[in-house]
Amino acid sequence: MLYWAEGAKAQMKFVNTDPALAKLYLTLLRSSYSLDESKIRVRLHLHYYHKHRESIAFWSKLLGVPESQFGKIYVKKRSVLKRFRKNFRGICSIVYSGSSILRELLSLGQQIAQKYEE
């Protein structure tokens, strides 16, 4: 249900700003499926004030994904008007290239939703 609510529907991509939710997603995915860990990719969207090396190290340790599987960092343009949250760790995108798992997760979510439509 977590993926069905928060994940992308065209590819197996989970995007969130909450480190605990990202860790829960990968923990549940790993415990439910036999994953090829080399197929996990992470991409960060950071603001100008984030330290790139520290951010990669934080997310790598939290998620248990080697830094070598992190893609290019996207740096969001600076906003003069917007205030930023303290302790904000950026936006983390987790991609797994497993289309059969994606189909199964989406199907399960739809089945549960249909059960409660009545």
C-alpha atoms as a PDB file:
ATOM      1  CA  MET A   1       0.000   0.000   0.000  1.00  0.00           C
ATOM      2  CA  LEU A   2       2.912   2.309   0.732  1.00  0.00           C
ATOM      3  CA  TYR A   3       4.155   1.961  -2.840  1.00  0.00           C
ATOM      4  CA  TRP A   4       0.669   2.211  -4.330  1.00  0.00           C
ATOM      5  CA  ALA A   5       0.156   5.527  -2.532  1.00  0.00           C
ATOM      6  CA  GLU A   6       3.625   7.061  -2.910  1.00  0.00           C
ATOM      7  CA  GLY A   7       5.288   5.286  -5.847  1.00  0.00           C
ATOM      8  CA  ALA A   8       5.375   6.104  -9.538  1.00  0.00           C
ATOM      9  CA  LYS A   9       3.075   4.068 -11.720  1.00  0.00           C
ATOM     10  CA  ALA A  10       5.076   3.964 -14.995  1.00  0.00           C
ATOM     11  CA  GLN A  11       8.305   2.655 -13.465  1.00  0.00           C
ATOM     12  CA  MET A  12       9.229   1.298 -10.052  1.00  0.00           C
ATOM     13  CA  LYS A  13      10.200   4.583  -8.461  1.00  0.00           C
ATOM     14  CA  PHE A  14       9.532   5.719  -4.898  1.00  0.00           C
ATOM     15  CA  VAL A  15      10.091   9.396  -4.125  1.00  0.00           C
ATOM     16  CA  ASN A  16       9.870  10.994  -0.710  1.00  0.00           C
ATOM     17  CA  THR A  17      11.494  13.545   1.594  1.00  0.00           C
ATOM     18  CA  ASP A  18      11.021  11.532   4.789  1.00  0.00           C
ATOM     19  CA  PRO A  19      14.089   9.385   5.545  1.00  0.00           C
ATOM     20  CA  ALA A  20      12.075   7.034   7.776  1.00  0.00           C
ATOM     21  CA  LEU A  21       9.504   6.422   5.038  1.00  0.00           C
ATOM     22  CA  ALA A  22      12.208   5.784   2.417  1.00  0.00           C
ATOM     23  CA  LYS A  23      13.928   3.306   4.742  1.00  0.00           C
ATOM     24  CA  LEU A  24      10.609   1.590   5.528  1.00  0.00           C
ATOM     25  CA  TYR A  25       9.863   1.263   1.798  1.00  0.00           C
ATOM     26  CA  LEU A  26      13.185  -0.441   1.043  1.00  0.00           C
ATOM     27  CA  THR A  27      13.007  -2.592   4.178  1.00  0.00           C
ATOM     28  CA  LEU A  28       9.540  -3.860   3.213  1.00  0.00           C
ATOM     29  CA  LEU A  29      10.574  -4.366  -0.410  1.00  0.00           C
ATOM     30  CA  ARG A  30      13.652  -6.350   0.616  1.00  0.00           C
ATOM     31  CA  SER A  31      11.712  -8.502   3.082  1.00  0.00           C
ATOM     32  CA  SER A  32       8.901  -9.211   0.587  1.00  0.00           C
ATOM     33  CA  TYR A  33      10.906  -9.913  -2.571  1.00  0.00           C
ATOM     34  CA  SER A  34      14.198 -11.435  -3.555  1.00  0.00           C
ATOM     35  CA  LEU A  35      15.857  -8.339  -4.988  1.00  0.00           C
ATOM     36  CA  ASP A  36      18.935  -8.001  -7.130  1.00  0.00           C
ATOM     37  CA  GLU A  37      20.563  -5.264  -5.020  1.00  0.00           C
ATOM     38  CA  SER A  38      22.619  -4.104  -8.010  1.00  0.00           C
ATOM     39  CA  LYS A  39      19.377  -2.951  -9.686  1.00  0.00           C
ATOM     40  CA  ILE A  40      18.653  -0.354  -6.985  1.00  0.00           C
ATOM     41  CA  ARG A  41      19.445   3.224  -7.986  1.00  0.00           C
ATOM     42  CA  VAL A  42      19.116   6.365  -5.870  1.00  0.00           C
ATOM     43  CA  ARG A  43      18.956   9.962  -7.038  1.00  0.00           C
ATOM     44  CA  LEU A  44      18.881  12.982  -4.771  1.00  0.00           C
ATOM     45  CA  HIS A  45      17.285  16.350  -5.366  1.00  0.00           C
ATOM     46  CA  LEU A  46      19.021  18.844  -3.102  1.00  0.00           C
ATOM     47  CA  HIS A  47      18.998  22.559  -2.411  1.00  0.00           C
ATOM     48  CA  TYR A  48      22.011  24.850  -2.726  1.00  0.00           C
ATOM     49  CA  TYR A  49      22.759  24.600   1.005  1.00  0.00           C
ATOM     50  CA  HIS A  50      23.091  20.800   1.128  1.00  0.00           C
ATOM     51  CA  LYS A  51      26.582  19.334   1.227  1.00  0.00           C
ATOM     52  CA  HIS A  52      26.603  16.732  -1.532  1.00  0.00           C
ATOM     53  CA  ARG A  53      29.100  14.265  -0.045  1.00  0.00           C
ATOM     54  CA  GLU A  54      27.384  14.348   3.357  1.00  0.00           C
ATOM     55  CA  SER A  55      23.964  13.893   1.762  1.00  0.00           C
ATOM     56  CA  ILE A  56      25.063  10.886  -0.284  1.00  0.00           C
ATOM     57  CA  ALA A  57      26.749   9.343   2.771  1.00  0.00           C
ATOM     58  CA  PHE A  58      23.612   9.889   4.890  1.00  0.00           C
ATOM     59  CA  TRP A  59      21.195   8.300   2.410  1.00  0.00           C
ATOM     60  CA  SER A  60      23.635   5.490   1.521  1.00  0.00           C
ATOM     61  CA  LYS A  61      24.036   4.461   5.159  1.00  0.00           C
ATOM     62  CA  LEU A  62      20.314   4.817   5.924  1.00  0.00           C
ATOM     63  CA  LEU A  63      19.147   2.815   2.904  1.00  0.00           C
ATOM     64  CA  GLY A  64      21.989   0.302   2.770  1.00  0.00           C
ATOM     65  CA  VAL A  65      22.701   1.190  -0.858  1.00  0.00           C
ATOM     66  CA  PRO A  66      26.326   1.684  -1.959  1.00  0.00           C
ATOM     67  CA  GLU A  67      27.280   5.200  -3.016  1.00  0.00           C
ATOM     68  CA  SER A  68      28.301   3.783  -6.405  1.00  0.00           C
ATOM     69  CA  GLN A  69      24.575   3.219  -7.113  1.00  0.00           C
ATOM     70  CA  PHE A  70      23.709   6.893  -6.644  1.00  0.00           C
ATOM     71  CA  GLY A  71      23.082   8.922  -9.773  1.00  0.00           C
ATOM     72  CA  LYS A  72      23.820  12.516 -10.553  1.00  0.00           C
ATOM     73  CA  ILE A  73      22.498  14.965  -7.962  1.00  0.00           C
ATOM     74  CA  TYR A  74      19.859  17.408  -9.129  1.00  0.00           C
ATOM     75  CA  VAL A  75      20.312  20.795  -7.448  1.00  0.00           C
ATOM     76  CA  LYS A  76      17.097  22.760  -7.138  1.00  0.00           C
ATOM     77  CA  LYS A  77      17.290  26.433  -7.997  1.00  0.00           C
ATOM     78  CA  ARG A  78      17.460  28.765  -5.027  1.00  0.00           C
ATOM     79  CA  SER A  79      14.242  30.420  -3.975  1.00  0.00           C
ATOM     80  CA  VAL A  80      14.556  33.903  -2.529  1.00  0.00           C
ATOM     81  CA  LEU A  81      11.067  33.853  -1.005  1.00  0.00           C
ATOM     82  CA  LYS A  82      10.672  30.282   0.207  1.00  0.00           C
ATOM     83  CA  ARG A  83      11.755  29.275   3.698  1.00  0.00           C
ATOM     84  CA  PHE A  84      13.366  25.888   4.122  1.00  0.00           C
ATOM     85  CA  ARG A  85      12.662  23.312   6.802  1.00  0.00           C
ATOM     86  CA  LYS A  86      15.377  22.568   9.332  1.00  0.00           C
ATOM     87  CA  ASN A  87      16.844  19.071   9.079  1.00  0.00           C
ATOM     88  CA  PHE A  88      15.472  18.687   5.546  1.00  0.00           C
ATOM     89  CA  ARG A  89      17.573  15.993   3.856  1.00  0.00           C
ATOM     90  CA  GLY A  90      16.418  16.652   0.294  1.00  0.00           C
ATOM     91  CA  ILE A  91      14.228  14.530  -1.940  1.00  0.00           C
ATOM     92  CA  CYS A  92      15.239  10.900  -2.376  1.00  0.00           C
ATOM     93  CA  SER A  93      14.217   8.898  -5.444  1.00  0.00           C
ATOM     94  CA  ILE A  94      14.651   5.134  -5.207  1.00  0.00           C
ATOM     95  CA  VAL A  95      14.368   3.196  -8.462  1.00  0.00           C
ATOM     96  CA  TYR A  96      14.349  -0.565  -8.874  1.00  0.00           C
ATOM     97  CA  SER A  97      14.339  -2.063 -12.356  1.00  0.00           C
ATOM     98  CA  GLY A  98      11.946  -4.923 -11.719  1.00  0.00           C
ATOM     99  CA  SER A  99       8.787  -4.623 -13.798  1.00  0.00           C
ATOM    100  CA  SER A 100       7.234  -7.855 -12.495  1.00  0.00           C
ATOM    101  CA  ILE A 101       7.397  -6.549  -8.914  1.00  0.00           C
ATOM    102  CA  LEU A 102       5.919  -3.225 -10.051  1.00  0.00           C
ATOM    103  CA  ARG A 103       2.971  -4.971 -11.720  1.00  0.00           C
ATOM    104  CA  GLU A 104       2.367  -7.066  -8.619  1.00  0.00           C
ATOM    105  CA  LEU A 105       2.487  -4.087  -6.244  1.00  0.00           C
ATOM    106  CA  LEU A 106       0.088  -2.055  -8.381  1.00  0.00           C
ATOM    107  CA  SER A 107      -2.277  -5.002  -8.711  1.00  0.00           C
ATOM    108  CA  LEU A 108      -2.293  -5.604  -4.952  1.00  0.00           C
ATOM    109  CA  GLY A 109      -3.018  -1.933  -4.307  1.00  0.00           C
ATOM    110  CA  GLN A 110      -5.903  -1.961  -6.778  1.00  0.00           C
ATOM    111  CA  GLN A 111      -7.348  -5.127  -5.234  1.00  0.00           C
ATOM    112  CA  ILE A 112      -7.281  -3.610  -1.757  1.00  0.00           C
ATOM    113  CA  ALA A 113      -8.816  -0.352  -3.007  1.00  0.00           C
ATOM    114  CA  GLN A 114     -11.603  -2.238  -4.790  1.00  0.00           C
ATOM    115  CA  LYS A 115     -12.399  -4.158  -1.625  1.00  0.00           C
ATOM    116  CA  TYR A 116     -13.096  -0.894   0.203  1.00  0.00           C
ATOM    117  CA  GLU A 117     -15.045   0.792  -2.640  1.00  0.00           C
ATOM    118  CA  GLU A 118     -18.215  -1.048  -1.719  1.00  0.00           C
END
